[in-house]
C-alpha atoms as a PDB file:
ATOM      1  CA  UNK A   1     -23.706   1.502 -60.065  1.00  0.00           C
ATOM      2  CA  UNK A   2     -25.498   4.733 -60.864  1.00  0.00           C
ATOM      3  CA  UNK A   3     -26.860   5.082 -64.385  1.00  0.00           C
ATOM      4  CA  UNK A   4     -27.189   8.207 -66.485  1.00  0.00           C
ATOM      5  CA  UNK A   5     -30.785   9.426 -66.991  1.00  0.00           C
ATOM      6  CA  UNK A   6     -32.190   8.273 -70.345  1.00  0.00           C
ATOM      7  CA  UNK A   7     -32.453  11.868 -71.539  1.00  0.00           C
ATOM      8  CA  UNK A   8     -28.714  12.379 -71.001  1.00  0.00           C
ATOM      9  CA  UNK A   9     -27.884   9.134 -72.816  1.00  0.00           C
ATOM     10  CA  UNK A  10     -30.069  10.116 -75.754  1.00  0.00           C
ATOM     11  CA  UNK A  11     -28.467  13.543 -75.922  1.00  0.00           C
ATOM     12  CA  UNK A  12     -24.959  12.073 -75.796  1.00  0.00           C
ATOM     13  CA  UNK A  13     -25.706   9.558 -78.549  1.00  0.00           C
ATOM     14  CA  UNK A  14     -27.205  12.310 -80.676  1.00  0.00           C
ATOM     15  CA  UNK A  15     -24.109  14.497 -80.313  1.00  0.00           C
ATOM     16  CA  UNK A  16     -21.754  11.575 -81.039  1.00  0.00           C
ATOM     17  CA  UNK A  17     -23.809  10.652 -84.076  1.00  0.00           C
ATOM     18  CA  UNK A  18     -23.679  14.180 -85.422  1.00  0.00           C
ATOM     19  CA  UNK A  19     -19.907  14.277 -85.014  1.00  0.00           C
ATOM     20  CA  UNK A  20     -19.500  11.064 -86.980  1.00  0.00           C
ATOM     21  CA  UNK A  21     -21.935  12.238 -89.628  1.00  0.00           C
ATOM     22  CA  UNK A  22     -20.096  15.532 -89.877  1.00  0.00           C
ATOM     23  CA  UNK A  23     -16.776  13.829 -90.429  1.00  0.00           C
ATOM     24  CA  UNK A  24     -15.341  14.798 -87.040  1.00  0.00           C
ATOM     25  CA  UNK A  25     -14.672  11.277 -85.775  1.00  0.00           C
ATOM     26  CA  UNK A  26     -10.932  11.835 -86.066  1.00  0.00           C
ATOM     27  CA  UNK A  27      -8.851   8.825 -85.056  1.00  0.00           C
ATOM     28  CA  UNK A  28      -6.058  11.035 -83.771  1.00  0.00           C
ATOM     29  CA  UNK A  29      -2.400  11.807 -84.242  1.00  0.00           C
ATOM     30  CA  UNK A  30      -1.200   8.678 -82.445  1.00  0.00           C
ATOM     31  CA  UNK A  31      -3.091   6.480 -84.881  1.00  0.00           C
ATOM     32  CA  UNK A  32      -1.812   8.533 -87.811  1.00  0.00           C
ATOM     33  CA  UNK A  33       1.774   8.184 -86.627  1.00  0.00           C
ATOM     34  CA  UNK A  34       1.427   4.431 -86.154  1.00  0.00           C
ATOM     35  CA  UNK A  35      -0.231   3.958 -89.525  1.00  0.00           C
ATOM     36  CA  UNK A  36       2.540   5.944 -91.214  1.00  0.00           C
ATOM     37  CA  UNK A  37       5.224   3.998 -89.394  1.00  0.00           C
ATOM     38  CA  UNK A  38       7.228   6.990 -88.155  1.00  0.00           C
ATOM     39  CA  UNK A  39       6.950  10.288 -86.306  1.00  0.00           C
ATOM     40  CA  UNK A  40       7.334  13.573 -88.199  1.00  0.00           C
ATOM     41  CA  UNK A  41       9.100  15.941 -85.833  1.00  0.00           C
ATOM     42  CA  UNK A  42       9.788  19.635 -86.404  1.00  0.00           C
ATOM     43  CA  UNK A  43      13.211  20.813 -85.225  1.00  0.00           C
ATOM     44  CA  UNK A  44      15.368  23.893 -85.607  1.00  0.00           C
ATOM     45  CA  UNK A  45      17.133  24.485 -88.890  1.00  0.00           C
ATOM     46  CA  UNK A  46      20.585  24.284 -87.371  1.00  0.00           C
ATOM     47  CA  UNK A  47      21.042  25.222 -83.702  1.00  0.00           C
ATOM     48  CA  UNK A  48      24.121  23.646 -82.198  1.00  0.00           C
ATOM     49  CA  UNK A  49      23.359  21.495 -79.194  1.00  0.00           C
ATOM     50  CA  UNK A  50      19.639  21.422 -79.934  1.00  0.00           C
ATOM     51  CA  UNK A  51      19.203  20.283 -83.532  1.00  0.00           C
ATOM     52  CA  UNK A  52      21.960  19.885 -86.093  1.00  0.00           C
ATOM     53  CA  UNK A  53      23.070  17.425 -88.743  1.00  0.00           C
ATOM     54  CA  UNK A  54      26.534  15.905 -88.645  1.00  0.00           C
ATOM     55  CA  UNK A  55      28.723  15.298 -91.689  1.00  0.00           C
ATOM     56  CA  UNK A  56      26.921  12.008 -92.361  1.00  0.00           C
ATOM     57  CA  UNK A  57      23.520  13.707 -92.288  1.00  0.00           C
ATOM     58  CA  UNK A  58      22.484  12.290 -88.916  1.00  0.00           C
ATOM     59  CA  UNK A  59      20.455  14.563 -86.662  1.00  0.00           C
ATOM     60  CA  UNK A  60      21.522  15.111 -83.078  1.00  0.00           C
ATOM     61  CA  UNK A  61      20.812  17.491 -80.213  1.00  0.00           C
ATOM     62  CA  UNK A  62      18.622  18.139 -77.188  1.00  0.00           C
ATOM     63  CA  UNK A  63      15.439  18.610 -79.241  1.00  0.00           C
ATOM     64  CA  UNK A  64      16.327  15.698 -81.530  1.00  0.00           C
ATOM     65  CA  UNK A  65      16.672  13.411 -78.512  1.00  0.00           C
ATOM     66  CA  UNK A  66      13.185  14.395 -77.406  1.00  0.00           C
ATOM     67  CA  UNK A  67      11.804  13.446 -80.817  1.00  0.00           C
ATOM     68  CA  UNK A  68      13.545  10.088 -80.407  1.00  0.00           C
ATOM     69  CA  UNK A  69      12.094   9.676 -76.910  1.00  0.00           C
ATOM     70  CA  UNK A  70       8.554  10.085 -78.276  1.00  0.00           C
ATOM     71  CA  UNK A  71       9.282   7.625 -81.095  1.00  0.00           C
ATOM     72  CA  UNK A  72      10.622   5.145 -78.555  1.00  0.00           C
ATOM     73  CA  UNK A  73       7.459   5.548 -76.462  1.00  0.00           C
ATOM     74  CA  UNK A  74       5.191   4.999 -79.464  1.00  0.00           C
ATOM     75  CA  UNK A  75       7.115   2.369 -81.441  1.00  0.00           C
ATOM     76  CA  UNK A  76       9.725   1.033 -79.038  1.00  0.00           C
ATOM     77  CA  UNK A  77      12.193   2.248 -81.676  1.00  0.00           C
ATOM     78  CA  UNK A  78      13.784   5.699 -81.446  1.00  0.00           C
ATOM     79  CA  UNK A  79      14.938   5.616 -85.068  1.00  0.00           C
ATOM     80  CA  UNK A  80      11.434   5.932 -86.459  1.00  0.00           C
ATOM     81  CA  UNK A  81      11.570   9.706 -86.849  1.00  0.00           C
ATOM     82  CA  UNK A  82      11.542  11.994 -89.858  1.00  0.00           C
ATOM     83  CA  UNK A  83      13.059  15.372 -88.993  1.00  0.00           C
ATOM     84  CA  UNK A  84      11.733  18.547 -90.588  1.00  0.00           C
ATOM     85  CA  UNK A  85      14.057  21.544 -90.104  1.00  0.00           C
ATOM     86  CA  UNK A  86      11.975  24.675 -89.626  1.00  0.00           C
ATOM     87  CA  UNK A  87      12.909  28.366 -89.672  1.00  0.00           C
ATOM     88  CA  UNK A  88      11.479  30.550 -86.927  1.00  0.00           C
ATOM     89  CA  UNK A  89       8.778  32.080 -89.107  1.00  0.00           C
ATOM     90  CA  UNK A  90       7.400  28.708 -90.256  1.00  0.00           C
ATOM     91  CA  UNK A  91       7.503  26.600 -87.090  1.00  0.00           C
ATOM     92  CA  UNK A  92       3.964  27.119 -85.784  1.00  0.00           C
ATOM     93  CA  UNK A  93       2.287  27.086 -89.186  1.00  0.00           C
ATOM     94  CA  UNK A  94       3.962  23.772 -89.979  1.00  0.00           C
ATOM     95  CA  UNK A  95       2.316  22.283 -86.890  1.00  0.00           C
ATOM     96  CA  UNK A  96      -1.075  23.921 -87.415  1.00  0.00           C
ATOM     97  CA  UNK A  97      -1.038  22.823 -91.058  1.00  0.00           C
ATOM     98  CA  UNK A  98      -0.407  19.158 -90.113  1.00  0.00           C
ATOM     99  CA  UNK A  99       2.978  19.035 -91.848  1.00  0.00           C
ATOM    100  CA  UNK A 100       4.491  17.761 -88.618  1.00  0.00           C
ATOM    101  CA  UNK A 101       3.146  15.746 -85.672  1.00  0.00           C
ATOM    102  CA  UNK A 102       5.204  17.471 -83.006  1.00  0.00           C
ATOM    103  CA  UNK A 103       7.216  20.665 -82.749  1.00  0.00           C
ATOM    104  CA  UNK A 104      10.316  19.992 -80.685  1.00  0.00           C
ATOM    105  CA  UNK A 105      12.120  23.116 -81.949  1.00  0.00           C
ATOM    106  CA  UNK A 106      12.990  25.464 -79.085  1.00  0.00           C
ATOM    107  CA  UNK A 107       9.936  27.701 -78.704  1.00  0.00           C
ATOM    108  CA  UNK A 108       9.018  30.025 -75.848  1.00  0.00           C
ATOM    109  CA  UNK A 109       5.703  29.385 -74.120  1.00  0.00           C
ATOM    110  CA  UNK A 110       3.832  32.700 -74.056  1.00  0.00           C
ATOM    111  CA  UNK A 111       0.224  33.666 -73.380  1.00  0.00           C
ATOM    112  CA  UNK A 112      -0.323  35.078 -76.866  1.00  0.00           C
ATOM    113  CA  UNK A 113       0.872  31.842 -78.462  1.00  0.00           C
ATOM    114  CA  UNK A 114      -0.969  29.620 -76.014  1.00  0.00           C
ATOM    115  CA  UNK A 115      -4.393  31.230 -76.378  1.00  0.00           C
ATOM    116  CA  UNK A 116      -3.981  32.961 -79.736  1.00  0.00           C
ATOM    117  CA  UNK A 117      -2.983  29.882 -81.736  1.00  0.00           C
ATOM    118  CA  UNK A 118      -4.523  26.375 -81.823  1.00  0.00           C
ATOM    119  CA  UNK A 119      -1.486  24.988 -80.007  1.00  0.00           C
ATOM    120  CA  UNK A 120      -0.698  23.217 -76.747  1.00  0.00           C
ATOM    121  CA  UNK A 121       2.616  23.726 -74.947  1.00  0.00           C
ATOM    122  CA  UNK A 122       2.880  20.383 -73.188  1.00  0.00           C
ATOM    123  CA  UNK A 123       5.488  21.384 -70.615  1.00  0.00           C
ATOM    124  CA  UNK A 124       8.855  23.045 -70.107  1.00  0.00           C
ATOM    125  CA  UNK A 125      11.887  21.083 -71.229  1.00  0.00           C
ATOM    126  CA  UNK A 126      14.382  23.927 -70.825  1.00  0.00           C
ATOM    127  CA  UNK A 127      14.177  27.060 -68.677  1.00  0.00           C
ATOM    128  CA  UNK A 128      15.935  29.851 -70.523  1.00  0.00           C
ATOM    129  CA  UNK A 129      15.942  33.615 -70.801  1.00  0.00           C
ATOM    130  CA  UNK A 130      17.038  36.239 -73.274  1.00  0.00           C
ATOM    131  CA  UNK A 131      20.604  37.407 -72.951  1.00  0.00           C
ATOM    132  CA  UNK A 132      23.113  39.617 -74.711  1.00  0.00           C
ATOM    133  CA  UNK A 133      26.526  38.757 -76.133  1.00  0.00           C
ATOM    134  CA  UNK A 134      29.199  41.367 -76.806  1.00  0.00           C
ATOM    135  CA  UNK A 135      32.862  41.364 -77.815  1.00  0.00           C
ATOM    136  CA  UNK A 136      35.016  40.993 -74.702  1.00  0.00           C
ATOM    137  CA  UNK A 137      37.127  43.973 -75.731  1.00  0.00           C
ATOM    138  CA  UNK A 138      34.165  46.276 -75.000  1.00  0.00           C
ATOM    139  CA  UNK A 139      34.689  45.659 -71.305  1.00  0.00           C
ATOM    140  CA  UNK A 140      30.901  45.780 -70.834  1.00  0.00           C
ATOM    141  CA  UNK A 141      29.440  44.122 -67.745  1.00  0.00           C
ATOM    142  CA  UNK A 142      25.820  45.346 -67.927  1.00  0.00           C
ATOM    143  CA  UNK A 143      23.322  45.815 -70.779  1.00  0.00           C
ATOM    144  CA  UNK A 144      22.704  49.333 -69.501  1.00  0.00           C
ATOM    145  CA  UNK A 145      26.175  50.246 -70.760  1.00  0.00           C
ATOM    146  CA  UNK A 146      24.911  49.602 -74.293  1.00  0.00           C
ATOM    147  CA  UNK A 147      22.760  52.708 -74.740  1.00  0.00           C
ATOM    148  CA  UNK A 148      22.253  53.435 -78.434  1.00  0.00           C
ATOM    149  CA  UNK A 149      23.693  50.052 -79.453  1.00  0.00           C
ATOM    150  CA  UNK A 150      22.475  47.915 -82.350  1.00  0.00           C
ATOM    151  CA  UNK A 151      21.487  44.303 -81.706  1.00  0.00           C
ATOM    152  CA  UNK A 152      21.514  41.409 -84.155  1.00  0.00           C
ATOM    153  CA  UNK A 153      18.761  38.847 -83.623  1.00  0.00           C
ATOM    154  CA  UNK A 154      16.181  36.652 -85.298  1.00  0.00           C
ATOM    155  CA  UNK A 155      12.961  37.870 -86.844  1.00  0.00           C
ATOM    156  CA  UNK A 156       9.690  36.193 -85.863  1.00  0.00           C
ATOM    157  CA  UNK A 157      10.694  35.925 -82.200  1.00  0.00           C
ATOM    158  CA  UNK A 158       9.895  37.998 -79.115  1.00  0.00           C
ATOM    159  CA  UNK A 159      13.534  39.077 -78.824  1.00  0.00           C
ATOM    160  CA  UNK A 160      12.911  42.364 -80.628  1.00  0.00           C
ATOM    161  CA  UNK A 161      10.035  43.303 -78.317  1.00  0.00           C
ATOM    162  CA  UNK A 162      12.060  42.353 -75.240  1.00  0.00           C
ATOM    163  CA  UNK A 163      15.028  44.481 -76.286  1.00  0.00           C
ATOM    164  CA  UNK A 164      12.792  47.468 -76.997  1.00  0.00           C
ATOM    165  CA  UNK A 165      10.952  47.112 -73.693  1.00  0.00           C
ATOM    166  CA  UNK A 166      14.105  46.610 -71.626  1.00  0.00           C
ATOM    167  CA  UNK A 167      15.892  49.695 -72.922  1.00  0.00           C
ATOM    168  CA  UNK A 168      12.756  51.868 -73.033  1.00  0.00           C
ATOM    169  CA  UNK A 169      12.174  51.200 -69.336  1.00  0.00           C
ATOM    170  CA  UNK A 170      15.698  52.412 -68.679  1.00  0.00           C
ATOM    171  CA  UNK A 171      15.119  55.522 -70.822  1.00  0.00           C
ATOM    172  CA  UNK A 172      17.674  54.346 -73.367  1.00  0.00           C
ATOM    173  CA  UNK A 173      17.631  53.771 -77.118  1.00  0.00           C
ATOM    174  CA  UNK A 174      18.429  50.532 -78.911  1.00  0.00           C
ATOM    175  CA  UNK A 175      18.217  49.323 -82.515  1.00  0.00           C
ATOM    176  CA  UNK A 176      17.238  45.795 -83.478  1.00  0.00           C
ATOM    177  CA  UNK A 177      18.549  44.250 -86.701  1.00  0.00           C
ATOM    178  CA  UNK A 178      16.389  41.198 -87.601  1.00  0.00           C
ATOM    179  CA  UNK A 179      17.647  38.195 -89.580  1.00  0.00           C
ATOM    180  CA  UNK A 180      15.771  35.138 -90.833  1.00  0.00           C
ATOM    181  CA  UNK A 181      18.559  32.655 -90.084  1.00  0.00           C
ATOM    182  CA  UNK A 182      20.979  32.265 -87.193  1.00  0.00           C
ATOM    183  CA  UNK A 183      23.938  31.934 -89.548  1.00  0.00           C
ATOM    184  CA  UNK A 184      23.170  35.335 -91.061  1.00  0.00           C
ATOM    185  CA  UNK A 185      22.758  36.971 -87.654  1.00  0.00           C
ATOM    186  CA  UNK A 186      25.993  35.405 -86.414  1.00  0.00           C
ATOM    187  CA  UNK A 187      27.918  36.566 -89.478  1.00  0.00           C
ATOM    188  CA  UNK A 188      26.609  40.111 -89.169  1.00  0.00           C
ATOM    189  CA  UNK A 189      27.675  40.187 -85.528  1.00  0.00           C
ATOM    190  CA  UNK A 190      31.086  38.661 -86.303  1.00  0.00           C
ATOM    191  CA  UNK A 191      31.592  41.233 -89.078  1.00  0.00           C
ATOM    192  CA  UNK A 192      30.830  44.096 -86.701  1.00  0.00           C
ATOM    193  CA  UNK A 193      27.607  45.149 -88.432  1.00  0.00           C
ATOM    194  CA  UNK A 194      25.890  45.272 -85.041  1.00  0.00           C
ATOM    195  CA  UNK A 195      27.260  46.011 -81.594  1.00  0.00           C
ATOM    196  CA  UNK A 196      25.752  43.023 -79.797  1.00  0.00           C
ATOM    197  CA  UNK A 197      23.902  39.764 -80.394  1.00  0.00           C
ATOM    198  CA  UNK A 198      20.709  38.948 -78.502  1.00  0.00           C
ATOM    199  CA  UNK A 199      18.787  35.669 -78.211  1.00  0.00           C
ATOM    200  CA  UNK A 200      18.004  33.075 -75.569  1.00  0.00           C
ATOM    201  CA  UNK A 201      21.160  32.448 -73.563  1.00  0.00           C
ATOM    202  CA  UNK A 202      21.365  28.831 -74.724  1.00  0.00           C
ATOM    203  CA  UNK A 203      21.251  30.044 -78.331  1.00  0.00           C
ATOM    204  CA  UNK A 204      23.990  32.561 -77.596  1.00  0.00           C
ATOM    205  CA  UNK A 205      26.133  29.797 -76.093  1.00  0.00           C
ATOM    206  CA  UNK A 206      25.647  27.767 -79.264  1.00  0.00           C
ATOM    207  CA  UNK A 207      26.392  30.735 -81.517  1.00  0.00           C
ATOM    208  CA  UNK A 208      29.465  31.758 -79.544  1.00  0.00           C
ATOM    209  CA  UNK A 209      30.908  28.260 -79.929  1.00  0.00           C
ATOM    210  CA  UNK A 210      30.798  28.743 -83.709  1.00  0.00           C
ATOM    211  CA  UNK A 211      32.658  32.061 -83.783  1.00  0.00           C
ATOM    212  CA  UNK A 212      36.327  32.002 -84.855  1.00  0.00           C
ATOM    213  CA  UNK A 213      37.559  32.715 -81.307  1.00  0.00           C
ATOM    214  CA  UNK A 214      34.713  32.041 -78.848  1.00  0.00           C
ATOM    215  CA  UNK A 215      36.754  33.329 -75.915  1.00  0.00           C
ATOM    216  CA  UNK A 216      36.721  36.798 -77.473  1.00  0.00           C
ATOM    217  CA  UNK A 217      33.007  37.110 -76.750  1.00  0.00           C
ATOM    218  CA  UNK A 218      31.124  37.424 -73.471  1.00  0.00           C
ATOM    219  CA  UNK A 219      27.526  36.525 -72.652  1.00  0.00           C
ATOM    220  CA  UNK A 220      26.467  39.065 -70.043  1.00  0.00           C
ATOM    221  CA  UNK A 221      25.117  37.740 -66.758  1.00  0.00           C
ATOM    222  CA  UNK A 222      21.906  39.766 -66.997  1.00  0.00           C
ATOM    223  CA  UNK A 223      18.797  37.922 -68.195  1.00  0.00           C
ATOM    224  CA  UNK A 224      16.226  40.343 -69.627  1.00  0.00           C
ATOM    225  CA  UNK A 225      13.256  37.992 -70.085  1.00  0.00           C
ATOM    226  CA  UNK A 226      11.790  34.616 -69.200  1.00  0.00           C
ATOM    227  CA  UNK A 227      11.910  31.952 -71.890  1.00  0.00           C
ATOM    228  CA  UNK A 228      10.328  28.638 -70.860  1.00  0.00           C
ATOM    229  CA  UNK A 229      11.028  26.395 -73.839  1.00  0.00           C
ATOM    230  CA  UNK A 230       9.244  23.175 -74.606  1.00  0.00           C
ATOM    231  CA  UNK A 231       7.603  20.857 -77.123  1.00  0.00           C
ATOM    232  CA  UNK A 232       4.347  21.896 -78.792  1.00  0.00           C
ATOM    233  CA  UNK A 233       1.414  19.964 -80.247  1.00  0.00           C
ATOM    234  CA  UNK A 234      -1.903  20.940 -81.767  1.00  0.00           C
ATOM    235  CA  UNK A 235      -4.548  21.569 -79.103  1.00  0.00           C
ATOM    236  CA  UNK A 236      -7.305  19.414 -80.640  1.00  0.00           C
ATOM    237  CA  UNK A 237      -5.973  15.970 -79.721  1.00  0.00           C
ATOM    238  CA  UNK A 238      -5.910  15.266 -75.981  1.00  0.00           C
ATOM    239  CA  UNK A 239      -4.615  11.714 -76.416  1.00  0.00           C
ATOM    240  CA  UNK A 240      -1.564  12.842 -78.389  1.00  0.00           C
ATOM    241  CA  UNK A 241      -0.952  15.751 -76.023  1.00  0.00           C
ATOM    242  CA  UNK A 242      -0.808  13.256 -73.148  1.00  0.00           C
ATOM    243  CA  UNK A 243       1.657  10.977 -74.961  1.00  0.00           C
ATOM    244  CA  UNK A 244       4.057  13.858 -75.612  1.00  0.00           C
ATOM    245  CA  UNK A 245       3.556  15.466 -72.194  1.00  0.00           C
ATOM    246  CA  UNK A 246       4.123  12.301 -70.183  1.00  0.00           C
ATOM    247  CA  UNK A 247       7.138  11.327 -72.262  1.00  0.00           C
ATOM    248  CA  UNK A 248       8.712  14.611 -71.157  1.00  0.00           C
ATOM    249  CA  UNK A 249       7.672  14.025 -67.552  1.00  0.00           C
ATOM    250  CA  UNK A 250       9.018  10.458 -67.673  1.00  0.00           C
ATOM    251  CA  UNK A 251      12.479  11.757 -68.606  1.00  0.00           C
ATOM    252  CA  UNK A 252      12.467  14.154 -65.646  1.00  0.00           C
ATOM    253  CA  UNK A 253      11.012  11.672 -63.161  1.00  0.00           C
ATOM    254  CA  UNK A 254      13.510   9.034 -64.269  1.00  0.00           C
ATOM    255  CA  UNK A 255      16.411  11.310 -63.344  1.00  0.00           C
ATOM    256  CA  UNK A 256      14.806  11.993 -59.983  1.00  0.00           C
ATOM    257  CA  UNK A 257      14.460   8.251 -59.377  1.00  0.00           C
ATOM    258  CA  UNK A 258      18.078   7.561 -60.374  1.00  0.00           C
ATOM    259  CA  UNK A 259      17.114   5.678 -63.530  1.00  0.00           C
ATOM    260  CA  UNK A 260      19.111   5.994 -66.747  1.00  0.00           C
ATOM    261  CA  UNK A 261      20.016   4.095 -69.907  1.00  0.00           C
ATOM    262  CA  UNK A 262      22.659   1.920 -68.261  1.00  0.00           C
ATOM    263  CA  UNK A 263      20.432   0.977 -65.339  1.00  0.00           C
ATOM    264  CA  UNK A 264      17.863  -0.549 -67.694  1.00  0.00           C
ATOM    265  CA  UNK A 265      20.182  -3.588 -67.841  1.00  0.00           C
ATOM    266  CA  UNK A 266      19.551  -4.104 -64.116  1.00  0.00           C
ATOM    267  CA  UNK A 267      16.332  -6.083 -63.508  1.00  0.00           C
ATOM    268  CA  UNK A 268      15.385  -4.100 -60.410  1.00  0.00           C
ATOM    269  CA  UNK A 269      15.786  -0.720 -62.070  1.00  0.00           C
ATOM    270  CA  UNK A 270      14.044  -1.965 -65.184  1.00  0.00           C
ATOM    271  CA  UNK A 271      11.090  -3.035 -63.040  1.00  0.00           C
ATOM    272  CA  UNK A 272      11.098   0.426 -61.435  1.00  0.00           C
ATOM    273  CA  UNK A 273      10.900   2.002 -64.892  1.00  0.00           C
ATOM    274  CA  UNK A 274       7.964  -0.240 -65.812  1.00  0.00           C
ATOM    275  CA  UNK A 275       6.189   0.789 -62.614  1.00  0.00           C
ATOM    276  CA  UNK A 276       6.924   4.429 -63.408  1.00  0.00           C
ATOM    277  CA  UNK A 277       4.814   4.128 -66.551  1.00  0.00           C
ATOM    278  CA  UNK A 278       2.062   1.880 -65.194  1.00  0.00           C
ATOM    279  CA  UNK A 279      -0.320   4.669 -64.251  1.00  0.00           C
ATOM    280  CA  UNK A 280      -0.137   5.945 -67.797  1.00  0.00           C
ATOM    281  CA  UNK A 281      -1.715   2.788 -69.257  1.00  0.00           C
ATOM    282  CA  UNK A 282      -4.462   4.977 -70.721  1.00  0.00           C
ATOM    283  CA  UNK A 283      -1.854   6.442 -73.097  1.00  0.00           C
ATOM    284  CA  UNK A 284      -2.254   3.339 -75.280  1.00  0.00           C
ATOM    285  CA  UNK A 285       1.467   2.597 -75.058  1.00  0.00           C
ATOM    286  CA  UNK A 286       3.273  -0.680 -74.348  1.00  0.00           C
ATOM    287  CA  UNK A 287       3.709  -1.583 -70.645  1.00  0.00           C
ATOM    288  CA  UNK A 288       7.478  -1.078 -70.909  1.00  0.00           C
ATOM    289  CA  UNK A 289       7.302   2.241 -72.784  1.00  0.00           C
ATOM    290  CA  UNK A 290       9.397   4.063 -70.178  1.00  0.00           C
ATOM    291  CA  UNK A 291      12.051   1.341 -70.421  1.00  0.00           C
ATOM    292  CA  UNK A 292      12.174   1.850 -74.191  1.00  0.00           C
ATOM    293  CA  UNK A 293      12.522   5.617 -73.756  1.00  0.00           C
ATOM    294  CA  UNK A 294      15.339   5.348 -71.222  1.00  0.00           C
ATOM    295  CA  UNK A 295      17.159   2.637 -73.171  1.00  0.00           C
ATOM    296  CA  UNK A 296      17.045   4.836 -76.276  1.00  0.00           C
ATOM    297  CA  UNK A 297      17.954   8.302 -74.995  1.00  0.00           C
ATOM    298  CA  UNK A 298      18.506   8.068 -71.251  1.00  0.00           C
ATOM    299  CA  UNK A 299      17.063  10.334 -68.582  1.00  0.00           C
ATOM    300  CA  UNK A 300      16.769  14.111 -68.763  1.00  0.00           C
ATOM    301  CA  UNK A 301      20.233  14.398 -67.191  1.00  0.00           C
ATOM    302  CA  UNK A 302      21.807  12.252 -69.879  1.00  0.00           C
ATOM    303  CA  UNK A 303      20.137  14.249 -72.654  1.00  0.00           C
ATOM    304  CA  UNK A 304      21.284  17.540 -71.133  1.00  0.00           C
ATOM    305  CA  UNK A 305      24.843  16.423 -70.435  1.00  0.00           C
ATOM    306  CA  UNK A 306      25.264  14.850 -73.866  1.00  0.00           C
ATOM    307  CA  UNK A 307      24.129  17.894 -75.835  1.00  0.00           C
ATOM    308  CA  UNK A 308      24.506  21.015 -73.702  1.00  0.00           C
ATOM    309  CA  UNK A 309      26.634  20.224 -70.673  1.00  0.00           C
ATOM    310  CA  UNK A 310      30.097  21.203 -69.517  1.00  0.00           C
ATOM    311  CA  UNK A 311      31.817  18.667 -71.776  1.00  0.00           C
ATOM    312  CA  UNK A 312      30.158  20.021 -74.944  1.00  0.00           C
ATOM    313  CA  UNK A 313      31.049  23.131 -76.987  1.00  0.00           C
ATOM    314  CA  UNK A 314      28.151  24.994 -75.302  1.00  0.00           C
ATOM    315  CA  UNK A 315      29.553  24.375 -71.786  1.00  0.00           C
ATOM    316  CA  UNK A 316      26.232  25.076 -70.099  1.00  0.00           C
ATOM    317  CA  UNK A 317      25.612  24.345 -66.427  1.00  0.00           C
ATOM    318  CA  UNK A 318      22.290  22.911 -65.313  1.00  0.00           C
ATOM    319  CA  UNK A 319      21.344  26.149 -63.512  1.00  0.00           C
ATOM    320  CA  UNK A 320      17.565  26.507 -63.413  1.00  0.00           C
ATOM    321  CA  UNK A 321      17.360  23.201 -65.270  1.00  0.00           C
ATOM    322  CA  UNK A 322      18.665  21.254 -62.312  1.00  0.00           C
ATOM    323  CA  UNK A 323      16.063  19.191 -60.486  1.00  0.00           C
ATOM    324  CA  UNK A 324      13.984  21.047 -57.911  1.00  0.00           C
ATOM    325  CA  UNK A 325      15.667  18.905 -55.252  1.00  0.00           C
ATOM    326  CA  UNK A 326      19.126  19.997 -56.431  1.00  0.00           C
ATOM    327  CA  UNK A 327      18.799  23.767 -56.523  1.00  0.00           C
ATOM    328  CA  UNK A 328      16.970  24.161 -59.825  1.00  0.00           C
ATOM    329  CA  UNK A 329      13.292  24.457 -60.750  1.00  0.00           C
ATOM    330  CA  UNK A 330      12.942  21.412 -63.023  1.00  0.00           C
ATOM    331  CA  UNK A 331       9.866  19.622 -61.748  1.00  0.00           C
ATOM    332  CA  UNK A 332       7.440  17.062 -63.139  1.00  0.00           C
ATOM    333  CA  UNK A 333       4.200  15.716 -61.689  1.00  0.00           C
ATOM    334  CA  UNK A 334       4.494  12.241 -60.154  1.00  0.00           C
ATOM    335  CA  UNK A 335       3.567   9.308 -62.368  1.00  0.00           C
ATOM    336  CA  UNK A 336       1.960   7.043 -59.773  1.00  0.00           C
END
């Protein structure tokens, strides 16, 4: 075995000692979560299909299921989650300020956010893009027929910039009407205070399902921006980043391998799930952590179908979010 030169060892010890002396020997988010006994997960403040509370106060949705998947990986118990509903303007500051451990709320991965904020986008859980919804009676089939139109949308998002850029490139005018909450934007649109509603297409599908007569509204086929959505952590904790990242990748790889919640009752498939997580032993998780995740929430397919799929009010197809081997672009690194 080769040994480090004494000078390097001395230098390393000196640096480590200064970090401890300076109070920087931070145990990490994983230890904090375990010591607390539950995960604190930031979610949207009411987006159907992604994060919403039912009449009994129970949280459910695509993003909620991801929070539960991380809790299952860490504790073996998906119920050990405290949900913090966050408005758009507060989501990143809540994470930076340590009020939450993980931001699962739908957030677009952009360069300015990635390098301009102390955040880490761990991967893409949903490939989306900004769309436009209009009343069907308009007979509109293209955004370019909406010259001079007013658009309802959320403040604190990149939707306003995208609308301005899209119409400016076409030499057309457009007005953006920002709202803090989805409910307010939806009401303004329903009341005819704006001509169209713009947001990520999944958000528009959720909002349309809540209108009095959803069939009276059309989401145009055109997609005017890219919106890779995914969970976010702080960027100063590599160990926690890896736990969250590989939980996401485990859900995707499980679907690819034909593993799901029901199959965990089959010894062979259960063994396959254990093997799937073996290479991630350095995550400091239990050997059967992938089994716990799949038993709790299922594979990516089950999470999608349960919350967003054709049998839900959103009626979304997999589209880009189908596996790469099935016509989509959903792809995760192998776990072996």
